[in-house]
Amino acid sequence: MQKIIYSKDDIIVSTALFKTARRTYRISDIEKIAIKRPLLWFSLPIALGSFALLSNFQSYLYVHERWFCMAGFILLPLIGWFIATLNVTSRAYTNDLAAIGWMPTLSAARNALDTVIFKTNDRADVISPED
């Protein structure tokens, strides 16, 4: 019988399965879990450019252009920090993108997956007295 360890939005972690909106993985097949922030690296140059534009050409910009530049250098890195991807490497999939979402949700899902995987591995490592 499967016990649900974590469930939020489209991510469900049970004792046997990891289910996302895109795919379902068997816990026993998962080899590696990684969380990445790919939008952060794209947003930082844009944020720096917006800051440089605002600091050097502020007197030449309209008010709405100033607000746009301020939003660019403040909001883009924040969005890039809080939106992440959860990648799963299993026997069938090599570095498969499992889920895209908010960092706290994906981090909690990863912690639940780690807990289930380590419990499964601990049970497999126990030597029975019959051996």
Protein backbone atom coordinates (compact mmCIF):
# COMPACT_ATOMS: atom_id res chain seq x y z
CA MET A 1 0.00 0.00 0.00
CA GLN A 2 1.32 3.41 -0.94
CA LYS A 3 1.48 6.14 1.64
CA ILE A 4 1.51 9.73 0.37
CA ILE A 5 4.47 11.60 1.87
CA TYR A 6 4.06 14.96 0.11
CA SER A 7 1.34 16.45 -2.06
CA LYS A 8 1.11 19.99 -3.37
CA ASP A 9 -0.16 21.34 -6.69
CA ASP A 10 0.69 18.69 -9.31
CA ILE A 11 3.52 17.07 -7.34
CA ILE A 12 2.81 13.90 -5.35
CA VAL A 13 5.47 11.88 -3.55
CA SER A 14 4.42 8.50 -2.19
CA THR A 15 6.42 5.57 -0.86
CA ALA A 16 6.55 3.98 -4.33
CA LEU A 17 5.91 6.73 -6.91
CA PHE A 18 6.86 10.31 -7.71
CA LYS A 19 4.11 11.90 -9.81
CA THR A 20 4.28 15.26 -11.58
CA ALA A 21 2.06 16.86 -14.18
CA ARG A 22 4.32 15.53 -16.92
CA ARG A 23 5.39 12.04 -15.80
CA THR A 24 5.28 9.43 -13.07
CA TYR A 25 8.52 7.90 -11.79
CA ARG A 26 9.07 4.81 -9.66
CA ILE A 27 11.06 5.71 -6.57
CA SER A 28 13.23 2.62 -7.02
CA ASP A 29 14.36 3.85 -10.48
CA ILE A 30 15.39 7.36 -9.42
CA GLU A 31 19.16 7.79 -9.26
CA LYS A 32 19.59 11.54 -8.78
CA ILE A 33 17.45 14.59 -7.99
CA ALA A 34 18.60 18.14 -8.72
CA ILE A 35 17.04 21.57 -8.34
CA LYS A 36 18.25 24.27 -10.70
CA ARG A 37 17.47 27.95 -11.19
CA PRO A 38 17.95 28.47 -14.94
CA LEU A 39 16.05 31.78 -15.13
CA LEU A 40 18.39 33.41 -12.61
CA TRP A 41 21.34 33.32 -15.00
CA PHE A 42 19.28 34.91 -17.77
CA SER A 43 17.79 37.59 -15.55
CA LEU A 44 21.04 38.85 -14.00
CA PRO A 45 22.52 40.43 -17.17
CA ILE A 46 19.19 42.06 -17.97
CA ALA A 47 18.97 43.39 -14.40
CA LEU A 48 22.51 44.77 -14.57
CA GLY A 49 21.76 46.39 -17.93
CA SER A 50 18.58 47.95 -16.56
CA PHE A 51 20.49 49.31 -13.57
CA ALA A 52 23.25 50.73 -15.78
CA LEU A 53 20.70 52.29 -18.11
CA LEU A 54 18.85 53.86 -15.22
CA SER A 55 21.95 55.16 -13.47
CA ASN A 56 23.60 56.63 -16.60
CA PHE A 57 20.62 57.92 -18.59
CA GLN A 58 18.03 58.72 -15.92
CA SER A 59 17.67 62.34 -16.99
CA TYR A 60 16.88 61.32 -20.58
CA LEU A 61 14.25 58.69 -19.70
CA TYR A 62 10.51 59.18 -19.36
CA VAL A 63 8.91 58.31 -16.02
CA HIS A 64 7.41 55.06 -17.30
CA GLU A 65 10.81 54.03 -18.72
CA ARG A 66 12.40 54.64 -15.32
CA TRP A 67 9.76 52.47 -13.66
CA PHE A 68 10.34 49.79 -16.28
CA CYS A 69 14.11 49.83 -15.60
CA MET A 70 13.57 49.70 -11.82
CA ALA A 71 11.20 46.76 -12.23
CA GLY A 72 13.78 45.08 -14.46
CA PHE A 73 16.62 45.24 -11.98
CA ILE A 74 14.51 44.45 -8.91
CA LEU A 75 11.86 41.97 -10.04
CA LEU A 76 13.73 39.89 -12.62
CA PRO A 77 16.35 38.52 -10.20
CA LEU A 78 13.63 37.82 -7.61
CA ILE A 79 11.57 35.90 -10.14
CA GLY A 80 14.68 34.06 -11.30
CA TRP A 81 15.49 33.14 -7.69
CA PHE A 82 12.04 31.80 -6.83
CA ILE A 83 11.26 29.90 -10.05
CA ALA A 84 13.19 26.66 -10.35
CA THR A 85 13.22 23.28 -12.09
CA LEU A 86 13.32 19.84 -10.51
CA ASN A 87 15.39 17.44 -12.59
CA VAL A 88 15.26 13.68 -12.13
CA THR A 89 17.85 11.25 -13.39
CA SER A 90 16.57 7.71 -13.52
CA ARG A 91 17.39 4.53 -15.35
CA ALA A 92 15.01 5.45 -18.16
CA TYR A 93 15.51 9.23 -18.32
CA THR A 94 18.79 11.09 -18.38
CA ASN A 95 18.41 14.41 -16.54
CA ASP A 96 14.69 14.69 -17.24
CA LEU A 97 12.92 17.95 -16.41
CA ALA A 98 10.24 16.71 -14.01
CA ALA A 99 8.67 19.93 -12.75
CA ILE A 100 8.87 23.71 -13.03
CA GLY A 101 7.58 25.77 -10.13
CA TRP A 102 8.24 27.81 -7.01
CA MET A 103 11.46 27.02 -5.20
CA PRO A 104 9.91 26.31 -1.76
CA THR A 105 7.49 23.78 -3.28
CA LEU A 106 10.20 22.01 -5.26
CA SER A 107 12.54 22.02 -2.27
CA ALA A 108 9.90 20.39 -0.06
CA ALA A 109 9.24 17.80 -2.79
CA ARG A 110 12.96 17.08 -3.04
CA ASN A 111 13.23 16.65 0.74
CA ALA A 112 10.28 14.22 0.65
CA LEU A 113 11.91 12.31 -2.21
CA ASP A 114 15.20 12.14 -0.32
CA THR A 115 13.40 10.80 2.74
CA VAL A 116 11.63 8.08 0.75
CA ILE A 117 14.74 7.11 -1.21
CA PHE A 118 16.93 6.87 1.89
CA LYS A 119 14.31 4.80 3.74
CA THR A 120 14.07 2.47 0.74
CA ASN A 121 17.86 2.15 0.54
CA ASP A 122 18.14 1.56 4.30
CA ARG A 123 15.63 -1.29 4.07
CA ALA A 124 17.52 -2.79 1.13
CA ASP A 125 20.84 -2.58 3.00
CA VAL A 126 19.59 -4.48 6.06
CA ILE A 127 20.80 -8.07 6.07
CA SER A 128 18.20 -10.54 7.15
CA PRO A 129 19.15 -13.25 9.67
CA GLU A 130 18.53 -15.93 7.04
CA ASP A 131 21.47 -14.74 4.91
